[in-house]
C-alpha atoms as a PDB file:
ATOM      1  CA  MET A   1     -25.783  63.516 -26.587  1.00  0.00           C
ATOM      2  CA  LEU A   2     -23.741  60.825 -28.609  1.00  0.00           C
ATOM      3  CA  SER A   3     -24.947  57.338 -29.316  1.00  0.00           C
ATOM      4  CA  GLU A   4     -22.345  55.778 -31.180  1.00  0.00           C
ATOM      5  CA  PRO A   5     -19.886  54.305 -28.964  1.00  0.00           C
ATOM      6  CA  ALA A   6     -16.450  55.687 -27.758  1.00  0.00           C
ATOM      7  CA  LEU A   7     -13.132  54.771 -30.084  1.00  0.00           C
ATOM      8  CA  PRO A   8     -11.259  52.862 -28.715  1.00  0.00           C
ATOM      9  CA  ILE A   9      -8.442  53.648 -27.232  1.00  0.00           C
ATOM     10  CA  LEU A  10      -5.238  52.497 -27.837  1.00  0.00           C
ATOM     11  CA  TYR A  11      -2.356  54.136 -25.821  1.00  0.00           C
ATOM     12  CA  ARG A  12      -2.754  57.270 -22.854  1.00  0.00           C
ATOM     13  CA  ASP A  13      -0.952  59.229 -20.599  1.00  0.00           C
ATOM     14  CA  GLY A  14      -1.164  62.242 -20.103  1.00  0.00           C
ATOM     15  CA  HIS A  15       0.003  64.284 -23.294  1.00  0.00           C
ATOM     16  CA  LEU A  16      -0.877  62.808 -25.811  1.00  0.00           C
ATOM     17  CA  VAL A  17      -4.219  59.911 -26.308  1.00  0.00           C
ATOM     18  CA  ALA A  18      -4.630  57.551 -29.258  1.00  0.00           C
ATOM     19  CA  PHE A  19      -7.755  56.001 -30.950  1.00  0.00           C
ATOM     20  CA  LEU A  20      -8.468  53.454 -33.340  1.00  0.00           C
ATOM     21  CA  LYS A  21     -10.356  55.660 -35.816  1.00  0.00           C
ATOM     22  CA  PRO A  22     -12.754  53.495 -38.300  1.00  0.00           C
ATOM     23  CA  SER A  23     -13.083  53.231 -41.750  1.00  0.00           C
ATOM     24  CA  GLY A  24     -15.906  56.242 -43.601  1.00  0.00           C
ATOM     25  CA  MET A  25     -15.299  58.639 -40.044  1.00  0.00           C
ATOM     26  CA  LEU A  26     -13.876  61.887 -40.698  1.00  0.00           C
ATOM     27  CA  VAL A  27     -11.037  62.927 -38.153  1.00  0.00           C
ATOM     28  CA  HIS A  28     -12.271  66.552 -37.720  1.00  0.00           C
ATOM     29  CA  ARG A  29     -14.879  68.857 -40.084  1.00  0.00           C
ATOM     30  CA  GLY A  30     -13.812  70.571 -43.460  1.00  0.00           C
ATOM     31  CA  TRP A  31     -14.603  69.357 -46.734  1.00  0.00           C
ATOM     32  CA  ALA A  32     -17.831  67.833 -45.291  1.00  0.00           C
ATOM     33  CA  ARG A  33     -20.039  68.276 -42.575  1.00  0.00           C
ATOM     34  CA  ASP A  34     -20.726  64.459 -41.373  1.00  0.00           C
ATOM     35  CA  ARG A  35     -22.744  65.071 -37.783  1.00  0.00           C
ATOM     36  CA  LEU A  36     -19.976  63.218 -36.073  1.00  0.00           C
ATOM     37  CA  THR A  37     -16.283  62.894 -36.993  1.00  0.00           C
ATOM     38  CA  ALA A  38     -13.113  61.144 -34.406  1.00  0.00           C
ATOM     39  CA  VAL A  39     -12.760  64.574 -32.557  1.00  0.00           C
ATOM     40  CA  ASP A  40     -15.949  64.622 -31.457  1.00  0.00           C
ATOM     41  CA  LEU A  41     -16.037  60.939 -29.940  1.00  0.00           C
ATOM     42  CA  ALA A  42     -12.775  61.603 -28.878  1.00  0.00           C
ATOM     43  CA  ALA A  43     -13.825  64.559 -26.657  1.00  0.00           C
ATOM     44  CA  ALA A  44     -16.581  62.630 -25.650  1.00  0.00           C
ATOM     45  CA  ALA A  45     -14.694  59.230 -24.491  1.00  0.00           C
ATOM     46  CA  LEU A  46     -12.804  61.630 -22.553  1.00  0.00           C
ATOM     47  CA  GLY A  47     -14.950  64.402 -21.003  1.00  0.00           C
ATOM     48  CA  ALA A  48     -12.218  67.137 -22.429  1.00  0.00           C
ATOM     49  CA  ARG A  49     -10.636  68.848 -25.812  1.00  0.00           C
ATOM     50  CA  VAL A  50      -8.398  66.523 -27.653  1.00  0.00           C
ATOM     51  CA  TYR A  51      -6.413  68.469 -30.673  1.00  0.00           C
ATOM     52  CA  PRO A  52      -5.777  66.235 -33.987  1.00  0.00           C
ATOM     53  CA  VAL A  53      -1.960  66.360 -34.640  1.00  0.00           C
ATOM     54  CA  HIS A  54      -2.213  64.302 -37.870  1.00  0.00           C
ATOM     55  CA  ARG A  55      -4.437  62.828 -40.154  1.00  0.00           C
ATOM     56  CA  LEU A  56      -6.025  60.370 -41.721  1.00  0.00           C
ATOM     57  CA  ASP A  57      -8.363  59.660 -45.072  1.00  0.00           C
ATOM     58  CA  ARG A  58     -12.283  59.558 -44.364  1.00  0.00           C
ATOM     59  CA  GLY A  59     -11.436  55.829 -45.727  1.00  0.00           C
ATOM     60  CA  THR A  60      -8.470  55.295 -43.820  1.00  0.00           C
ATOM     61  CA  SER A  61      -8.518  53.084 -40.363  1.00  0.00           C
ATOM     62  CA  GLY A  62      -5.934  52.764 -37.958  1.00  0.00           C
ATOM     63  CA  VAL A  63      -3.833  54.994 -35.511  1.00  0.00           C
ATOM     64  CA  LEU A  64      -4.906  58.666 -34.699  1.00  0.00           C
ATOM     65  CA  LEU A  65      -3.069  60.162 -32.546  1.00  0.00           C
ATOM     66  CA  PHE A  66      -4.444  63.420 -30.074  1.00  0.00           C
ATOM     67  CA  ALA A  67      -2.911  66.086 -28.286  1.00  0.00           C
ATOM     68  CA  LEU A  68      -4.709  66.732 -24.696  1.00  0.00           C
ATOM     69  CA  SER A  69      -3.606  70.529 -24.962  1.00  0.00           C
ATOM     70  CA  SER A  70      -2.232  72.805 -27.200  1.00  0.00           C
ATOM     71  CA  GLU A  71       1.180  72.640 -26.283  1.00  0.00           C
ATOM     72  CA  VAL A  72       1.712  69.695 -26.346  1.00  0.00           C
ATOM     73  CA  ALA A  73      -0.332  69.080 -30.246  1.00  0.00           C
ATOM     74  CA  ALA A  74       2.551  71.715 -31.567  1.00  0.00           C
ATOM     75  CA  ALA A  75       5.625  70.197 -29.838  1.00  0.00           C
ATOM     76  CA  THR A  76       3.977  66.860 -31.704  1.00  0.00           C
ATOM     77  CA  GLN A  77       3.570  68.424 -34.900  1.00  0.00           C
ATOM     78  CA  LEU A  78       6.655  69.643 -34.700  1.00  0.00           C
ATOM     79  CA  LEU A  79       8.115  66.388 -34.572  1.00  0.00           C
ATOM     80  CA  PHE A  80       6.433  65.494 -37.421  1.00  0.00           C
ATOM     81  CA  ARG A  81       7.331  68.606 -39.773  1.00  0.00           C
ATOM     82  CA  ARG A  82      11.136  66.817 -38.298  1.00  0.00           C
ATOM     83  CA  ALA A  83      10.142  63.885 -39.974  1.00  0.00           C
ATOM     84  CA  LEU A  84      10.980  61.773 -36.302  1.00  0.00           C
ATOM     85  CA  VAL A  85       7.912  60.339 -36.742  1.00  0.00           C
ATOM     86  CA  ALA A  86       7.478  56.536 -38.295  1.00  0.00           C
ATOM     87  CA  LYS A  87       4.359  56.192 -39.848  1.00  0.00           C
ATOM     88  CA  THR A  88       3.514  52.622 -40.754  1.00  0.00           C
ATOM     89  CA  TYR A  89       0.363  51.373 -43.455  1.00  0.00           C
ATOM     90  CA  LEU A  90      -1.006  48.271 -44.618  1.00  0.00           C
ATOM     91  CA  ALA A  91      -2.261  49.072 -48.193  1.00  0.00           C
ATOM     92  CA  LEU A  92      -3.971  45.591 -50.736  1.00  0.00           C
ATOM     93  CA  VAL A  93      -3.158  46.786 -54.273  1.00  0.00           C
ATOM     94  CA  ARG A  94      -4.001  45.939 -57.524  1.00  0.00           C
ATOM     95  CA  ASP A  95      -2.126  43.229 -59.236  1.00  0.00           C
ATOM     96  CA  THR A  96       1.856  41.637 -58.565  1.00  0.00           C
ATOM     97  CA  ALA A  97       3.364  44.998 -57.128  1.00  0.00           C
ATOM     98  CA  PRO A  98       7.533  44.917 -57.068  1.00  0.00           C
ATOM     99  CA  PRO A  99       9.397  43.321 -53.857  1.00  0.00           C
ATOM    100  CA  SER A 100      10.193  46.952 -52.515  1.00  0.00           C
ATOM    101  CA  GLY A 101      10.351  50.116 -53.586  1.00  0.00           C
ATOM    102  CA  VAL A 102      10.671  53.651 -53.131  1.00  0.00           C
ATOM    103  CA  ILE A 103       7.933  56.358 -54.570  1.00  0.00           C
ATOM    104  CA  ASP A 104       9.866  60.332 -54.571  1.00  0.00           C
ATOM    105  CA  HIS A 105       7.200  61.812 -56.552  1.00  0.00           C
ATOM    106  CA  PRO A 106       5.394  64.751 -55.840  1.00  0.00           C
ATOM    107  CA  VAL A 107       1.667  65.701 -54.340  1.00  0.00           C
ATOM    108  CA  PRO A 108      -0.487  67.858 -53.270  1.00  0.00           C
ATOM    109  CA  ASN A 109      -0.056  68.943 -49.657  1.00  0.00           C
ATOM    110  CA  GLU A 110      -3.502  70.287 -49.528  1.00  0.00           C
ATOM    111  CA  GLU A 111      -6.933  70.245 -51.851  1.00  0.00           C
ATOM    112  CA  HIS A 112      -6.324  72.300 -54.929  1.00  0.00           C
ATOM    113  CA  GLY A 113      -2.371  72.735 -53.618  1.00  0.00           C
ATOM    114  CA  PRO A 114       0.049  72.660 -55.505  1.00  0.00           C
ATOM    115  CA  ARG A 115       2.740  69.658 -55.468  1.00  0.00           C
ATOM    116  CA  VAL A 116       5.512  69.159 -53.056  1.00  0.00           C
ATOM    117  CA  ASP A 117       7.999  66.766 -52.206  1.00  0.00           C
ATOM    118  CA  ALA A 118       6.540  63.595 -50.828  1.00  0.00           C
ATOM    119  CA  THR A 119       8.333  60.127 -50.476  1.00  0.00           C
ATOM    120  CA  THR A 120       7.253  56.536 -49.598  1.00  0.00           C
ATOM    121  CA  ASP A 121       8.943  53.021 -49.227  1.00  0.00           C
ATOM    122  CA  PHE A 122       6.759  50.302 -49.498  1.00  0.00           C
ATOM    123  CA  THR A 123       7.897  46.658 -48.911  1.00  0.00           C
ATOM    124  CA  ARG A 124       5.590  43.583 -50.752  1.00  0.00           C
ATOM    125  CA  LEU A 125       4.160  40.937 -47.756  1.00  0.00           C
ATOM    126  CA  TRP A 126       1.861  38.857 -50.003  1.00  0.00           C
ATOM    127  CA  VAL A 127       0.484  38.170 -53.523  1.00  0.00           C
ATOM    128  CA  GLY A 128      -2.447  36.921 -54.174  1.00  0.00           C
ATOM    129  CA  ASP A 129      -5.891  37.435 -56.620  1.00  0.00           C
ATOM    130  CA  HIS A 130      -5.133  40.030 -58.725  1.00  0.00           C
ATOM    131  CA  ALA A 131      -3.689  41.916 -55.401  1.00  0.00           C
ATOM    132  CA  SER A 132      -0.482  42.309 -53.410  1.00  0.00           C
ATOM    133  CA  LEU A 133      -0.229  43.431 -49.549  1.00  0.00           C
ATOM    134  CA  LEU A 134       1.791  46.037 -48.718  1.00  0.00           C
ATOM    135  CA  GLU A 135       4.182  47.471 -45.953  1.00  0.00           C
ATOM    136  CA  ALA A 136       3.874  50.933 -47.005  1.00  0.00           C
ATOM    137  CA  ARG A 137       5.708  53.933 -45.025  1.00  0.00           C
ATOM    138  CA  PRO A 138       5.248  57.751 -45.953  1.00  0.00           C
ATOM    139  CA  HIS A 139       8.230  59.699 -45.372  1.00  0.00           C
ATOM    140  CA  THR A 140       6.232  63.051 -45.772  1.00  0.00           C
ATOM    141  CA  GLY A 141       2.329  63.930 -44.782  1.00  0.00           C
ATOM    142  CA  ARG A 142       1.282  65.032 -48.091  1.00  0.00           C
ATOM    143  CA  LEU A 143      -2.621  64.512 -48.980  1.00  0.00           C
ATOM    144  CA  HIS A 144      -3.934  61.114 -49.633  1.00  0.00           C
ATOM    145  CA  GLN A 145      -0.134  60.498 -49.945  1.00  0.00           C
ATOM    146  CA  VAL A 146      -0.005  56.686 -50.206  1.00  0.00           C
ATOM    147  CA  ARG A 147      -3.416  56.420 -52.530  1.00  0.00           C
ATOM    148  CA  ARG A 148      -1.808  59.043 -55.166  1.00  0.00           C
ATOM    149  CA  HIS A 149       1.675  57.097 -54.671  1.00  0.00           C
ATOM    150  CA  MET A 150       0.155  54.112 -55.048  1.00  0.00           C
ATOM    151  CA  LYS A 151      -1.558  55.113 -58.381  1.00  0.00           C
ATOM    152  CA  HIS A 152       1.402  56.546 -59.925  1.00  0.00           C
ATOM    153  CA  ILE A 153       3.139  53.891 -59.688  1.00  0.00           C
ATOM    154  CA  ARG A 154      -0.238  51.517 -61.212  1.00  0.00           C
ATOM    155  CA  HIS A 155      -1.054  49.763 -58.676  1.00  0.00           C
ATOM    156  CA  PRO A 156      -3.749  51.204 -56.490  1.00  0.00           C
ATOM    157  CA  VAL A 157      -5.078  51.053 -53.075  1.00  0.00           C
ATOM    158  CA  VAL A 158      -7.921  48.135 -53.748  1.00  0.00           C
ATOM    159  CA  GLY A 159     -11.688  50.032 -52.757  1.00  0.00           C
ATOM    160  CA  ASP A 160     -10.230  53.933 -53.749  1.00  0.00           C
ATOM    161  CA  ALA A 161     -13.246  55.244 -55.526  1.00  0.00           C
ATOM    162  CA  ASN A 162     -10.510  58.809 -56.456  1.00  0.00           C
ATOM    163  CA  TYR A 163      -7.531  56.929 -57.547  1.00  0.00           C
ATOM    164  CA  GLY A 164      -8.114  53.219 -57.661  1.00  0.00           C
ATOM    165  CA  ASP A 165      -9.689  50.853 -60.391  1.00  0.00           C
ATOM    166  CA  GLY A 166     -13.648  50.204 -60.196  1.00  0.00           C
ATOM    167  CA  LYS A 167     -13.549  46.895 -61.923  1.00  0.00           C
ATOM    168  CA  VAL A 168     -10.841  45.825 -59.284  1.00  0.00           C
ATOM    169  CA  ASN A 169     -12.947  46.962 -56.315  1.00  0.00           C
ATOM    170  CA  ARG A 170     -15.633  46.559 -57.372  1.00  0.00           C
ATOM    171  CA  TYR A 171     -14.566  42.098 -57.799  1.00  0.00           C
ATOM    172  CA  HIS A 172     -12.912  42.312 -54.880  1.00  0.00           C
ATOM    173  CA  ARG A 173     -16.043  44.095 -53.098  1.00  0.00           C
ATOM    174  CA  ASP A 174     -18.252  40.860 -54.167  1.00  0.00           C
ATOM    175  CA  ARG A 175     -15.747  38.159 -54.228  1.00  0.00           C
ATOM    176  CA  TYR A 176     -14.460  38.530 -50.557  1.00  0.00           C
ATOM    177  CA  GLY A 177     -16.427  41.091 -49.096  1.00  0.00           C
ATOM    178  CA  LEU A 178     -13.879  43.837 -49.165  1.00  0.00           C
ATOM    179  CA  ALA A 179     -16.453  46.811 -49.181  1.00  0.00           C
ATOM    180  CA  ARG A 180     -13.985  49.646 -48.026  1.00  0.00           C
ATOM    181  CA  LEU A 181     -10.916  51.385 -48.519  1.00  0.00           C
ATOM    182  CA  ALA A 182      -8.035  48.775 -48.410  1.00  0.00           C
ATOM    183  CA  LEU A 183      -5.729  51.242 -46.386  1.00  0.00           C
ATOM    184  CA  HIS A 184      -5.304  50.684 -42.525  1.00  0.00           C
ATOM    185  CA  ALA A 185      -2.559  52.857 -40.915  1.00  0.00           C
ATOM    186  CA  TRP A 186      -1.216  50.188 -38.527  1.00  0.00           C
ATOM    187  CA  HIS A 187       1.465  50.997 -36.452  1.00  0.00           C
ATOM    188  CA  ILE A 188       3.645  54.764 -35.379  1.00  0.00           C
ATOM    189  CA  SER A 189       6.381  55.954 -33.697  1.00  0.00           C
ATOM    190  CA  LEU A 190       7.885  58.618 -32.216  1.00  0.00           C
ATOM    191  CA  PRO A 191       9.860  59.969 -29.600  1.00  0.00           C
ATOM    192  CA  HIS A 192       7.692  61.507 -26.800  1.00  0.00           C
ATOM    193  CA  PRO A 193       7.004  64.583 -27.239  1.00  0.00           C
ATOM    194  CA  ILE A 194       7.776  65.500 -23.290  1.00  0.00           C
ATOM    195  CA  HIS A 195      10.660  63.378 -22.424  1.00  0.00           C
ATOM    196  CA  GLY A 196      11.956  61.806 -25.463  1.00  0.00           C
ATOM    197  CA  VAL A 197      10.775  58.222 -24.359  1.00  0.00           C
ATOM    198  CA  PRO A 198      10.259  56.825 -27.558  1.00  0.00           C
ATOM    199  CA  LEU A 199       6.497  55.568 -27.878  1.00  0.00           C
ATOM    200  CA  ALA A 200       4.993  53.065 -30.001  1.00  0.00           C
ATOM    201  CA  VAL A 201       1.653  52.754 -31.431  1.00  0.00           C
ATOM    202  CA  HIS A 202      -0.226  49.404 -33.065  1.00  0.00           C
ATOM    203  CA  ALA A 203      -3.601  48.991 -34.559  1.00  0.00           C
ATOM    204  CA  GLN A 204      -4.872  45.678 -35.244  1.00  0.00           C
ATOM    205  CA  LEU A 205      -6.678  45.474 -37.904  1.00  0.00           C
ATOM    206  CA  PRO A 206     -10.662  45.847 -38.053  1.00  0.00           C
ATOM    207  CA  PRO A 207     -13.390  43.549 -38.689  1.00  0.00           C
ATOM    208  CA  ASP A 208     -14.308  44.658 -42.592  1.00  0.00           C
ATOM    209  CA  LEU A 209     -10.335  44.213 -43.219  1.00  0.00           C
ATOM    210  CA  ALA A 210      -9.384  41.417 -41.098  1.00  0.00           C
ATOM    211  CA  LEU A 211     -12.378  38.882 -42.764  1.00  0.00           C
ATOM    212  CA  PRO A 212     -11.691  40.227 -46.449  1.00  0.00           C
ATOM    213  CA  PHE A 213      -8.221  38.908 -45.445  1.00  0.00           C
ATOM    214  CA  THR A 214      -8.535  36.050 -44.100  1.00  0.00           C
ATOM    215  CA  SER A 215     -10.583  35.835 -47.228  1.00  0.00           C
ATOM    216  CA  LEU A 216      -7.935  36.174 -49.656  1.00  0.00           C
ATOM    217  CA  GLY A 217      -5.880  33.770 -48.081  1.00  0.00           C
ATOM    218  CA  ILE A 218      -3.295  36.013 -46.334  1.00  0.00           C
ATOM    219  CA  PRO A 219      -1.786  34.543 -43.708  1.00  0.00           C
ATOM    220  CA  PRO A 220      -2.579  36.694 -40.405  1.00  0.00           C
ATOM    221  CA  GLU A 221       1.147  36.670 -39.342  1.00  0.00           C
ATOM    222  CA  LEU A 222       1.736  38.930 -41.664  1.00  0.00           C
ATOM    223  CA  TRP A 223      -1.482  41.522 -40.290  1.00  0.00           C
ATOM    224  CA  ALA A 224      -1.629  40.439 -36.883  1.00  0.00           C
ATOM    225  CA  THR A 225       1.233  41.529 -35.218  1.00  0.00           C
ATOM    226  CA  ALA A 226       2.733  44.839 -35.629  1.00  0.00           C
ATOM    227  CA  PRO A 227       5.820  45.812 -38.386  1.00  0.00           C
ATOM    228  CA  ARG A 228       9.484  44.037 -37.704  1.00  0.00           C
ATOM    229  CA  GLU A 229      11.119  47.598 -38.098  1.00  0.00           C
ATOM    230  CA  SER A 230       8.427  49.930 -36.339  1.00  0.00           C
ATOM    231  CA  ARG A 231      11.379  52.751 -34.946  1.00  0.00           C
ATOM    232  CA  PRO A 232      11.642  56.400 -36.042  1.00  0.00           C
END
């Protein structure tokens, strides 16, 4: 029996449901054998099978979208493949990042797989104590894409144990209480896979990011509402 609290529901209709995934939780079993995953908790919350249509890294929080049937899952995944889904992340990265940019750098699409084309654009929202807050928009859905791309431009995500800077991670943990990956799936928008009406889902920052951001002095108006441009 599941004892953990249900995932917060951000959106639900007869075909799709979006949850707020916390940092530290796997979407589904694959490389690890966690006792519970987001798929388990989502199915328990709805009392029905759910079908994940995209993935978030274990350390990433934010919008996680599921389909309620295999047919809707296939239709939604087709939208992702056709680049009709717009995803926006908030990322706290090391040092002073450029004001904006486009990262076009191939990365693997699966563990130990070949590198494939990958593109992410970003806008800097804030600069502070050895860190910058970015709005990152991946245009492809490769494995660890935002994290790999931030490392590629030498501004790794704070709290990233795999691609980041251990000294910077420890500094932000000890000084600001940031004890997780500082990457949040902030917003997702797409044409609904059944009727085509535009759908947008926004996930506010959870306390384990909001509190450190406040301690860092990042103005809440930068992260407390949906991004300005959030359409497919």
